[in-house]
Amino acid sequence: MADLKPGDPIPELKETPDKYLPHRYAGASGDFNPIHTDEEFARSAGIPSVFGHGMLTAAFVGKAVTDYVGAENLRRFKVRFATRVWPGDTITCKGKVTKKYEHDGEKRIDGEVVALNQKGELAVTGSFSAALPSRA
């Protein structure tokens, strides 16, 4: 990764949440808001269906980043939610390196990331900083 430069892409990650993933995520996160897991409740709230937790979509983006740099090298990760993710949506996470620099003697990169649904709509935008992993 020493040859990384601004503009280099990070590998894409695709996820297609099914209707059960919000239930599994609720159990893992402790966020049991019924808007994410109960169809009848969601409809009574004026929403056409349950939708994924925003933090679940953020986790997809986080996985794309940590698959690239390694979780142990991640120094900062920020996200902003833009739209809902519905069961059956295909989410594509992608990004690019925006800066390469040294901070307190550590070689680092910054990057931008997004999660897009199959219509090309932004679901999540974000940024990260990571130490460059040393490769033997």
C-alpha atoms as a PDB file:
ATOM      1  CA  MET A   1       0.000   0.000   0.000  1.00  0.00           C
ATOM      2  CA  ALA A   2       3.052   2.253   0.095  1.00  0.00           C
ATOM      3  CA  ASP A   3       2.397   3.193  -3.536  1.00  0.00           C
ATOM      4  CA  LEU A   4      -1.115   4.535  -2.826  1.00  0.00           C
ATOM      5  CA  LYS A   5      -1.908   8.005  -4.097  1.00  0.00           C
ATOM      6  CA  PRO A   6      -4.875  10.383  -3.984  1.00  0.00           C
ATOM      7  CA  GLY A   7      -7.560   9.299  -6.417  1.00  0.00           C
ATOM      8  CA  ASP A   8      -6.896   5.574  -5.994  1.00  0.00           C
ATOM      9  CA  PRO A   9     -10.180   3.692  -5.511  1.00  0.00           C
ATOM     10  CA  ILE A  10     -10.936   1.368  -2.638  1.00  0.00           C
ATOM     11  CA  PRO A  11     -12.474  -1.968  -3.680  1.00  0.00           C
ATOM     12  CA  GLU A  12     -16.265  -1.972  -3.995  1.00  0.00           C
ATOM     13  CA  LEU A  13     -18.419  -3.946  -1.598  1.00  0.00           C
ATOM     14  CA  LYS A  14     -21.964  -4.973  -2.560  1.00  0.00           C
ATOM     15  CA  GLU A  15     -24.653  -6.009  -0.079  1.00  0.00           C
ATOM     16  CA  THR A  16     -28.314  -6.884  -0.605  1.00  0.00           C
ATOM     17  CA  PRO A  17     -30.085  -6.864   2.752  1.00  0.00           C
ATOM     18  CA  ASP A  18     -33.027  -9.256   2.940  1.00  0.00           C
ATOM     19  CA  LYS A  19     -36.084  -8.770   5.145  1.00  0.00           C
ATOM     20  CA  TYR A  20     -34.441 -10.745   7.965  1.00  0.00           C
ATOM     21  CA  LEU A  21     -31.242  -8.714   8.239  1.00  0.00           C
ATOM     22  CA  PRO A  22     -32.879  -5.861  10.226  1.00  0.00           C
ATOM     23  CA  HIS A  23     -34.044  -8.458  12.772  1.00  0.00           C
ATOM     24  CA  ARG A  24     -30.544  -9.887  13.067  1.00  0.00           C
ATOM     25  CA  TYR A  25     -29.047  -6.409  13.293  1.00  0.00           C
ATOM     26  CA  ALA A  26     -31.571  -5.426  15.989  1.00  0.00           C
ATOM     27  CA  GLY A  27     -30.477  -8.408  18.054  1.00  0.00           C
ATOM     28  CA  ALA A  28     -26.809  -7.588  17.613  1.00  0.00           C
ATOM     29  CA  SER A  29     -27.149  -3.847  18.237  1.00  0.00           C
ATOM     30  CA  GLY A  30     -29.961  -3.787  20.794  1.00  0.00           C
ATOM     31  CA  ASP A  31     -31.909  -1.334  18.580  1.00  0.00           C
ATOM     32  CA  PHE A  32     -35.356  -2.921  18.521  1.00  0.00           C
ATOM     33  CA  ASN A  33     -37.240   0.066  17.103  1.00  0.00           C
ATOM     34  CA  PRO A  34     -40.230  -1.633  15.406  1.00  0.00           C
ATOM     35  CA  ILE A  35     -39.954   0.696  12.406  1.00  0.00           C
ATOM     36  CA  HIS A  36     -37.135  -1.614  11.299  1.00  0.00           C
ATOM     37  CA  THR A  37     -38.706  -4.995  12.060  1.00  0.00           C
ATOM     38  CA  ASP A  38     -42.530  -4.797  12.173  1.00  0.00           C
ATOM     39  CA  GLU A  39     -44.288  -4.342   8.804  1.00  0.00           C
ATOM     40  CA  GLU A  40     -47.633  -3.468  10.379  1.00  0.00           C
ATOM     41  CA  PHE A  41     -46.052  -0.877  12.656  1.00  0.00           C
ATOM     42  CA  ALA A  42     -44.139   0.669   9.753  1.00  0.00           C
ATOM     43  CA  ARG A  43     -47.295   0.950   7.644  1.00  0.00           C
ATOM     44  CA  SER A  44     -49.237   2.467  10.568  1.00  0.00           C
ATOM     45  CA  ALA A  45     -46.506   5.116  10.761  1.00  0.00           C
ATOM     46  CA  GLY A  46     -47.105   5.973   7.086  1.00  0.00           C
ATOM     47  CA  ILE A  47     -44.031   4.163   5.790  1.00  0.00           C
ATOM     48  CA  PRO A  48     -44.495   1.585   3.007  1.00  0.00           C
ATOM     49  CA  SER A  49     -42.367  -1.073   4.707  1.00  0.00           C
ATOM     50  CA  VAL A  50     -39.687  -1.673   7.294  1.00  0.00           C
ATOM     51  CA  PHE A  51     -36.292  -0.242   6.387  1.00  0.00           C
ATOM     52  CA  GLY A  52     -32.737  -0.938   7.439  1.00  0.00           C
ATOM     53  CA  HIS A  53     -31.091   0.719  10.402  1.00  0.00           C
ATOM     54  CA  GLY A  54     -28.900   3.616   9.304  1.00  0.00           C
ATOM     55  CA  MET A  55     -26.048   2.167  11.324  1.00  0.00           C
ATOM     56  CA  LEU A  56     -26.396  -1.106   9.408  1.00  0.00           C
ATOM     57  CA  THR A  57     -25.705   0.746   6.158  1.00  0.00           C
ATOM     58  CA  ALA A  58     -22.847   2.541   7.912  1.00  0.00           C
ATOM     59  CA  ALA A  59     -21.517  -0.897   8.873  1.00  0.00           C
ATOM     60  CA  PHE A  60     -21.468  -1.922   5.203  1.00  0.00           C
ATOM     61  CA  VAL A  61     -19.362   1.167   4.432  1.00  0.00           C
ATOM     62  CA  GLY A  62     -17.158   0.463   7.444  1.00  0.00           C
ATOM     63  CA  LYS A  63     -16.587  -3.084   6.207  1.00  0.00           C
ATOM     64  CA  ALA A  64     -15.504  -1.778   2.805  1.00  0.00           C
ATOM     65  CA  VAL A  65     -12.978   0.482   4.532  1.00  0.00           C
ATOM     66  CA  THR A  66     -11.650  -2.101   6.995  1.00  0.00           C
ATOM     67  CA  ASP A  67     -11.429  -4.754   4.272  1.00  0.00           C
ATOM     68  CA  TYR A  68      -9.141  -2.279   2.516  1.00  0.00           C
ATOM     69  CA  VAL A  69      -6.979  -0.906   5.343  1.00  0.00           C
ATOM     70  CA  GLY A  70      -7.514  -3.433   8.164  1.00  0.00           C
ATOM     71  CA  ALA A  71      -9.542  -2.672  11.280  1.00  0.00           C
ATOM     72  CA  GLU A  72      -6.373  -2.239  13.329  1.00  0.00           C
ATOM     73  CA  ASN A  73      -5.272   0.631  11.062  1.00  0.00           C
ATOM     74  CA  LEU A  74      -8.487   2.658  11.098  1.00  0.00           C
ATOM     75  CA  ARG A  75      -7.974   5.929  12.961  1.00  0.00           C
ATOM     76  CA  ARG A  76     -11.174   7.853  12.156  1.00  0.00           C
ATOM     77  CA  PHE A  77     -14.481   6.953  10.517  1.00  0.00           C
ATOM     78  CA  LYS A  78     -17.384   9.366  10.021  1.00  0.00           C
ATOM     79  CA  VAL A  79     -20.691   8.864   8.231  1.00  0.00           C
ATOM     80  CA  ARG A  80     -23.762  10.858   7.352  1.00  0.00           C
ATOM     81  CA  PHE A  81     -27.085   9.275   6.467  1.00  0.00           C
ATOM     82  CA  ALA A  82     -28.783  10.402   3.270  1.00  0.00           C
ATOM     83  CA  THR A  83     -31.689   8.028   2.524  1.00  0.00           C
ATOM     84  CA  ARG A  84     -33.340   4.845   3.744  1.00  0.00           C
ATOM     85  CA  VAL A  85     -32.302   1.378   2.666  1.00  0.00           C
ATOM     86  CA  TRP A  86     -35.160  -1.013   1.972  1.00  0.00           C
ATOM     87  CA  PRO A  87     -35.105  -4.816   2.054  1.00  0.00           C
ATOM     88  CA  GLY A  88     -34.017  -6.020  -1.374  1.00  0.00           C
ATOM     89  CA  ASP A  89     -32.015  -2.882  -2.205  1.00  0.00           C
ATOM     90  CA  THR A  90     -28.567  -3.569  -3.552  1.00  0.00           C
ATOM     91  CA  ILE A  91     -26.065  -1.362  -1.761  1.00  0.00           C
ATOM     92  CA  THR A  92     -22.724  -0.613  -3.387  1.00  0.00           C
ATOM     93  CA  CYS A  93     -20.038   0.824  -1.137  1.00  0.00           C
ATOM     94  CA  LYS A  94     -17.099   2.489  -2.793  1.00  0.00           C
ATOM     95  CA  GLY A  95     -14.611   5.234  -2.210  1.00  0.00           C
ATOM     96  CA  LYS A  96     -11.237   6.685  -2.932  1.00  0.00           C
ATOM     97  CA  VAL A  97      -8.067   7.869  -1.282  1.00  0.00           C
ATOM     98  CA  THR A  98      -8.063  11.657  -0.970  1.00  0.00           C
ATOM     99  CA  LYS A  99      -4.793  12.361   0.829  1.00  0.00           C
ATOM    100  CA  LYS A 100      -1.542  10.681   1.801  1.00  0.00           C
ATOM    101  CA  TYR A 101       0.550  12.166   4.605  1.00  0.00           C
ATOM    102  CA  GLU A 102       2.482  11.577   7.797  1.00  0.00           C
ATOM    103  CA  HIS A 103       1.030  12.267  11.248  1.00  0.00           C
ATOM    104  CA  ASP A 104       3.106  11.883  14.426  1.00  0.00           C
ATOM    105  CA  GLY A 105       5.538   9.644  12.575  1.00  0.00           C
ATOM    106  CA  GLU A 106       2.788   7.402  11.173  1.00  0.00           C
ATOM    107  CA  LYS A 107       2.116   7.147   7.444  1.00  0.00           C
ATOM    108  CA  ARG A 108      -1.589   7.717   6.824  1.00  0.00           C
ATOM    109  CA  ILE A 109      -4.251   8.091   4.198  1.00  0.00           C
ATOM    110  CA  ASP A 110      -7.586   9.869   4.224  1.00  0.00           C
ATOM    111  CA  GLY A 111     -10.460   8.824   2.048  1.00  0.00           C
ATOM    112  CA  GLU A 112     -14.057   9.418   1.077  1.00  0.00           C
ATOM    113  CA  VAL A 113     -16.684   6.675   0.951  1.00  0.00           C
ATOM    114  CA  VAL A 114     -20.283   6.337  -0.169  1.00  0.00           C
ATOM    115  CA  ALA A 115     -23.037   3.761  -0.128  1.00  0.00           C
ATOM    116  CA  LEU A 116     -25.358   3.907  -3.144  1.00  0.00           C
ATOM    117  CA  ASN A 117     -28.559   1.996  -3.762  1.00  0.00           C
ATOM    118  CA  GLN A 118     -29.294   0.328  -7.091  1.00  0.00           C
ATOM    119  CA  LYS A 119     -30.878   3.580  -8.353  1.00  0.00           C
ATOM    120  CA  GLY A 120     -27.619   5.428  -7.728  1.00  0.00           C
ATOM    121  CA  GLU A 121     -29.088   7.331  -4.764  1.00  0.00           C
ATOM    122  CA  LEU A 122     -26.760   8.143  -1.874  1.00  0.00           C
ATOM    123  CA  ALA A 123     -27.640   6.186   1.254  1.00  0.00           C
ATOM    124  CA  VAL A 124     -24.522   7.109   3.269  1.00  0.00           C
ATOM    125  CA  THR A 125     -21.565   9.410   2.738  1.00  0.00           C
ATOM    126  CA  GLY A 126     -18.469   9.321   4.852  1.00  0.00           C
ATOM    127  CA  SER A 127     -14.780   9.752   5.354  1.00  0.00           C
ATOM    128  CA  PHE A 128     -11.957   7.895   7.036  1.00  0.00           C
ATOM    129  CA  SER A 129      -8.351   8.177   8.119  1.00  0.00           C
ATOM    130  CA  ALA A 130      -6.122   5.143   8.385  1.00  0.00           C
ATOM    131  CA  ALA A 131      -2.546   4.243   9.061  1.00  0.00           C
ATOM    132  CA  LEU A 132      -0.902   2.640   6.106  1.00  0.00           C
ATOM    133  CA  PRO A 133      -0.486  -1.012   6.996  1.00  0.00           C
ATOM    134  CA  SER A 134       3.013  -2.344   6.799  1.00  0.00           C
ATOM    135  CA  ARG A 135       3.209  -5.288   4.442  1.00  0.00           C
ATOM    136  CA  ALA A 136       6.011  -7.790   4.600  1.00  0.00           C
END
